[in-house]
Protein backbone atom coordinates (compact mmCIF):
# COMPACT_ATOMS: atom_id res chain seq x y z
CA MET A 1 70.72 -71.22 -55.30
CA ASN A 2 67.81 -71.54 -52.53
CA THR A 3 67.37 -75.10 -51.88
CA SER A 4 64.84 -74.53 -48.79
CA VAL A 5 62.26 -75.90 -51.63
CA LEU A 6 64.30 -79.17 -51.44
CA GLU A 7 64.40 -79.39 -47.80
CA GLU A 8 60.08 -78.91 -47.57
CA ILE A 9 59.73 -81.67 -49.76
CA GLY A 10 61.88 -84.50 -47.78
CA LEU A 11 65.75 -83.91 -48.46
CA ASN A 12 68.33 -82.76 -45.72
CA ARG A 13 70.80 -80.55 -46.19
CA THR A 14 73.57 -83.66 -46.89
CA GLU A 15 71.44 -84.93 -49.23
CA ILE A 16 70.52 -81.90 -51.42
CA LYS A 17 74.73 -81.46 -51.22
CA ILE A 18 75.71 -84.57 -52.75
CA TYR A 19 72.49 -84.52 -55.73
CA LEU A 20 73.56 -80.81 -56.33
CA ALA A 21 77.47 -82.15 -56.47
CA LEU A 22 76.75 -84.88 -58.82
CA LEU A 23 74.53 -82.88 -61.36
CA GLU A 24 77.51 -80.63 -61.74
CA LEU A 25 80.01 -83.54 -61.65
CA GLY A 26 78.20 -86.22 -63.65
CA GLN A 27 79.05 -89.57 -63.12
CA SER A 28 81.39 -90.17 -60.49
CA THR A 29 82.90 -91.88 -57.45
CA THR A 30 82.97 -91.02 -54.23
CA THR A 31 86.50 -89.28 -53.89
CA PRO A 32 85.01 -86.24 -56.17
CA ILE A 33 81.67 -86.03 -54.77
CA ILE A 34 83.02 -85.91 -51.00
CA ARG A 35 85.62 -83.13 -52.61
CA LYS A 36 82.63 -81.23 -54.14
CA SER A 37 79.86 -81.73 -51.64
CA GLY A 38 82.60 -81.26 -48.33
CA ILE A 39 80.61 -84.00 -46.30
CA HIS A 40 82.62 -86.41 -44.55
CA PRO A 41 83.96 -89.53 -46.26
CA ALA A 42 82.48 -91.80 -43.38
CA LYS A 43 78.79 -90.63 -44.09
CA VAL A 44 79.26 -90.44 -47.87
CA TYR A 45 77.46 -93.92 -49.12
CA GLU A 46 75.08 -94.04 -46.08
CA PHE A 47 73.29 -90.39 -47.97
CA ILE A 48 74.00 -91.70 -51.39
CA ASP A 49 71.91 -94.81 -50.25
CA LYS A 50 69.31 -92.86 -49.04
CA LEU A 51 68.71 -90.72 -52.31
CA ILE A 52 69.04 -94.06 -54.42
CA LYS A 53 65.91 -95.14 -52.18
CA LYS A 54 64.44 -91.69 -53.04
CA GLY A 55 65.21 -92.39 -57.00
CA LEU A 56 67.42 -89.26 -57.22
CA VAL A 57 70.56 -90.90 -57.80
CA SER A 58 71.47 -94.49 -59.65
CA TYR A 59 74.97 -96.02 -60.41
CA VAL A 60 76.99 -98.68 -62.49
CA VAL A 61 79.82 -100.61 -61.74
CA LYS A 62 82.89 -100.12 -63.76
CA SER A 63 85.87 -102.29 -62.97
CA ASN A 64 84.62 -103.55 -59.58
CA LYS A 65 83.74 -99.99 -58.43
CA LYS A 66 80.50 -97.97 -58.05
CA TYR A 67 79.94 -94.94 -60.63
CA PHE A 68 77.35 -92.55 -58.99
CA SER A 69 75.09 -90.18 -61.39
CA ALA A 70 72.29 -87.77 -60.63
CA ASN A 71 69.23 -88.19 -62.07
CA GLU A 72 67.13 -85.78 -64.36
CA PRO A 73 65.36 -82.94 -61.75
CA GLU A 74 62.61 -83.85 -62.73
CA ALA A 75 62.76 -87.08 -60.58
CA ILE A 76 62.58 -84.85 -57.45
CA GLY A 77 58.75 -83.74 -58.26
CA GLU A 78 58.17 -88.08 -58.04
CA LEU A 79 58.36 -86.78 -54.22
CA ILE A 80 55.77 -84.70 -53.83
CA ARG A 81 53.55 -86.94 -55.77
CA ASP A 82 54.96 -89.50 -53.45
CA LYS A 83 54.13 -86.95 -50.52
CA LYS A 84 50.87 -85.74 -51.64
CA GLU A 85 49.50 -89.56 -52.01
CA LYS A 86 51.18 -89.99 -48.49
CA ILE A 87 48.74 -86.87 -46.81
CA GLU A 88 45.33 -88.21 -48.96
CA GLU A 89 45.86 -91.70 -47.49
CA GLN A 90 46.41 -89.57 -44.29
CA GLU A 91 43.26 -87.27 -44.75
CA ASN A 92 41.04 -90.68 -45.68
CA GLU A 93 42.50 -92.52 -41.93
CA LEU A 94 41.72 -89.54 -40.65
CA ASP A 95 38.24 -88.86 -41.94
CA ARG A 96 37.62 -92.50 -40.92
CA ILE A 97 38.44 -92.03 -36.74
CA ILE A 98 37.29 -88.59 -36.17
CA PRO A 99 33.70 -90.26 -35.76
CA GLU A 100 35.34 -92.39 -33.10
CA MET A 101 37.14 -89.60 -31.62
CA ARG A 102 33.89 -87.58 -31.14
CA ARG A 103 32.22 -90.67 -29.49
CA MET A 104 35.19 -90.37 -27.29
CA LYS A 105 34.93 -86.98 -26.66
CA LYS A 106 31.22 -86.92 -25.60
CA MET A 107 31.89 -90.28 -23.19
CA GLU A 108 33.78 -87.75 -21.30
CA GLU A 109 31.92 -84.84 -21.32
CA SER A 110 29.27 -87.30 -19.49
CA LYS A 111 31.40 -87.99 -16.89
CA ILE A 112 31.59 -86.18 -13.12
CA ASN A 113 35.01 -85.87 -11.95
CA SER A 114 35.35 -85.47 -8.65
CA GLU A 115 38.35 -85.92 -6.12
CA ILE A 116 39.08 -85.57 -2.63
CA TYR A 117 41.23 -83.33 -0.39
CA GLU A 118 41.86 -83.35 3.14
CA GLY A 119 43.38 -81.75 5.54
CA ILE A 120 44.82 -77.78 5.70
CA LYS A 121 47.28 -78.25 2.58
CA GLY A 122 44.00 -79.83 1.26
CA VAL A 123 42.64 -76.55 1.71
CA LYS A 124 45.27 -74.39 0.47
CA SER A 125 45.43 -76.88 -2.38
CA VAL A 126 41.65 -76.40 -3.46
CA TYR A 127 42.57 -72.68 -2.99
CA GLU A 128 45.25 -72.23 -5.40
CA LYS A 129 42.89 -73.94 -7.69
CA ILE A 130 39.99 -71.58 -7.67
CA ILE A 131 42.88 -68.84 -8.07
CA ASN A 132 44.21 -70.40 -11.33
CA VAL A 133 41.06 -71.30 -12.69
CA LEU A 134 39.14 -68.02 -12.14
CA LYS A 135 39.78 -65.31 -14.68
CA LYS A 136 39.55 -61.11 -13.67
CA GLY A 137 36.20 -60.40 -13.20
CA GLU A 138 34.70 -64.08 -12.39
CA VAL A 139 33.31 -64.72 -8.95
CA GLN A 140 33.77 -67.58 -6.22
CA TYR A 141 30.48 -68.00 -4.23
CA ILE A 142 30.47 -69.49 -0.53
CA ILE A 143 27.34 -70.73 0.98
CA GLY A 144 27.67 -71.16 4.74
CA ALA A 145 31.49 -70.47 5.04
CA PRO A 146 32.17 -71.45 9.07
CA LYS A 147 33.41 -70.05 11.95
CA ALA A 148 35.79 -73.16 12.28
CA GLY A 149 37.17 -73.52 9.04
CA ASN A 150 38.66 -69.93 8.92
CA GLU A 151 39.68 -70.29 12.62
CA LEU A 152 41.80 -73.66 10.85
CA VAL A 153 44.07 -71.40 7.80
CA GLU A 154 42.55 -67.57 7.79
CA GLY A 155 46.46 -66.53 8.28
CA TYR A 156 46.65 -67.87 4.77
CA LEU A 157 43.42 -66.94 3.86
CA LEU A 158 44.72 -63.14 4.17
CA GLY A 159 47.76 -63.76 2.39
CA TRP A 160 45.22 -65.50 -0.40
CA HIS A 161 42.62 -62.79 -0.25
CA LYS A 162 45.52 -60.29 -1.14
CA ARG A 163 46.38 -62.41 -4.54
CA ARG A 164 42.49 -62.48 -5.37
CA ILE A 165 42.19 -58.79 -5.05
CA LYS A 166 44.94 -58.20 -7.02
CA LYS A 167 44.14 -60.83 -10.09
CA GLY A 168 40.37 -59.51 -10.07
CA ILE A 169 38.32 -61.96 -8.81
CA HIS A 170 35.35 -61.18 -7.10
CA CYS A 171 34.33 -62.75 -4.26
CA LYS A 172 30.35 -63.02 -3.00
CA TYR A 173 30.20 -64.93 0.38
CA ILE A 174 27.20 -65.98 2.36
CA TYR A 175 29.09 -66.85 6.33
CA ASP A 176 27.20 -68.22 9.36
CA ASN A 177 26.19 -66.33 11.54
CA GLU A 178 28.39 -66.70 14.32
CA ALA A 179 30.89 -66.30 11.81
CA LYS A 180 30.65 -62.58 11.56
CA GLU A 181 33.60 -61.64 12.85
CA TYR A 182 35.75 -63.09 9.70
CA GLY A 183 33.02 -61.80 7.79
CA GLU A 184 33.41 -57.98 8.92
CA VAL A 185 37.22 -58.94 8.03
CA ARG A 186 35.78 -59.57 4.10
CA GLU A 187 33.29 -56.95 4.19
CA LYS A 188 36.32 -54.56 4.00
CA MET A 189 38.33 -56.36 0.92
CA PRO A 190 37.80 -55.02 -2.64
CA LEU A 191 35.79 -57.02 -4.81
CA THR A 192 33.67 -58.65 -1.88
CA GLU A 193 30.31 -58.80 -0.84
CA VAL A 194 29.19 -60.44 1.95
CA ARG A 195 26.01 -61.68 3.89
CA TYR A 196 25.30 -63.77 6.85
CA LEU A 197 22.99 -66.83 7.13
CA PRO A 198 20.14 -66.72 9.96
CA LYS A 199 21.41 -67.88 13.27
CA GLU A 200 19.03 -71.32 12.90
CA MET A 201 21.18 -72.07 9.89
CA ALA A 202 24.68 -72.80 11.44
CA SER A 203 26.74 -75.95 10.11
CA PRO A 204 30.11 -77.34 9.59
CA VAL A 205 29.24 -78.39 6.07
CA TRP A 206 30.22 -75.01 3.21
CA ILE A 207 29.75 -75.07 -0.55
CA GLU A 208 31.84 -73.40 -3.06
CA VAL A 209 31.67 -72.72 -6.64
CA PHE A 210 34.15 -71.39 -8.60
CA GLY A 211 34.20 -71.73 -12.53
CA GLU A 212 32.88 -75.54 -13.16
CA TYR A 213 33.73 -76.23 -9.65
CA VAL A 214 31.85 -77.55 -6.67
CA VAL A 215 33.32 -77.67 -3.59
CA ILE A 216 31.63 -79.65 -0.59
CA GLY A 217 33.47 -78.76 2.56
CA HIS A 218 32.99 -80.08 5.75
CA ILE A 219 34.56 -79.72 9.24
CA LYS A 220 34.63 -82.25 12.23
CA LYS A 221 36.98 -81.72 15.41
CA GLU A 222 40.25 -80.40 13.27
CA ASN A 223 39.90 -82.48 10.27
CA VAL A 224 38.34 -80.73 6.96
CA VAL A 225 38.06 -82.73 3.96
CA LEU A 226 36.48 -81.39 0.71
CA TYR A 227 34.95 -82.75 -1.92
CA VAL A 228 35.77 -81.42 -5.50
CA ILE A 229 32.79 -81.86 -8.19
CA HIS A 230 33.85 -80.38 -11.54
CA ASP A 231 30.87 -80.51 -13.68
CA LYS A 232 29.68 -77.02 -15.60
CA GLU A 233 25.49 -78.03 -15.16
CA ILE A 234 26.09 -78.98 -11.58
CA ALA A 235 27.73 -75.83 -10.79
CA LYS A 236 25.28 -74.08 -12.88
CA SER A 237 22.79 -75.27 -10.33
CA TYR A 238 24.56 -74.60 -7.23
CA VAL A 239 25.02 -70.83 -8.43
CA ASP A 240 21.83 -70.58 -9.24
CA TYR A 241 21.66 -72.19 -5.41
CA PHE A 242 23.71 -69.84 -4.20
CA LYS A 243 21.51 -67.11 -5.49
CA LEU A 244 18.02 -68.04 -3.67
CA ILE A 245 19.69 -67.82 -0.44
CA TRP A 246 21.67 -64.73 -1.19
CA GLY A 247 18.34 -63.22 -1.78
CA VAL A 248 16.96 -64.04 1.75
CA SER A 249 20.47 -63.69 3.92
CA GLY A 250 20.64 -60.95 6.23
CA LYS A 251 23.66 -58.50 5.60
């Protein structure tokens, strides 16, 4: 007999074995049930009790001894009806709380999430985020990539670019004019476009945009601080800003 449907409506395999044994045995004490079902004697009362609570087994007491009987198989249908009622209750409760969950989602979406990263380890953490967030064909934008930044982590960045190119991520970089030696290295890389700011616009502050993230970086002596903002609208605004600067930057 295929008993999978009985498992699906909430009976475990031991309960099924006991119930089927009782259907064949008729009114019985535990010893024949154990022999017929093959379950461990120590477990028989535990699972018979579960079947009694589910309305599938009943018992009588004769000479201070319990005799168990399987109720009509139609009683299993009551389990399904109980399950349907429970599902309806859950559906009603879900309908009640969904509006509240929607409000929570809107509140979360309205928040602007930000983080601060410091030092060389911080730079590496942000760049690992970039390579994990961006997909093939997407673009990382930089405005004002400074010479000092490349000097600090150039070895790491060269390795990072190999992984970036392998993944198919594009880069559009606007370097400080004083960082041309690094820009020229990038120009030779696949999936990479480079332009340069005018000399008078050199700054220790730069901006990066990737996906829904904006990074504002600052270098003071050898201390690097990166402010990472996660907000779709802000990121889009900075991409528009990048396009404006890109149009007036030199090659």
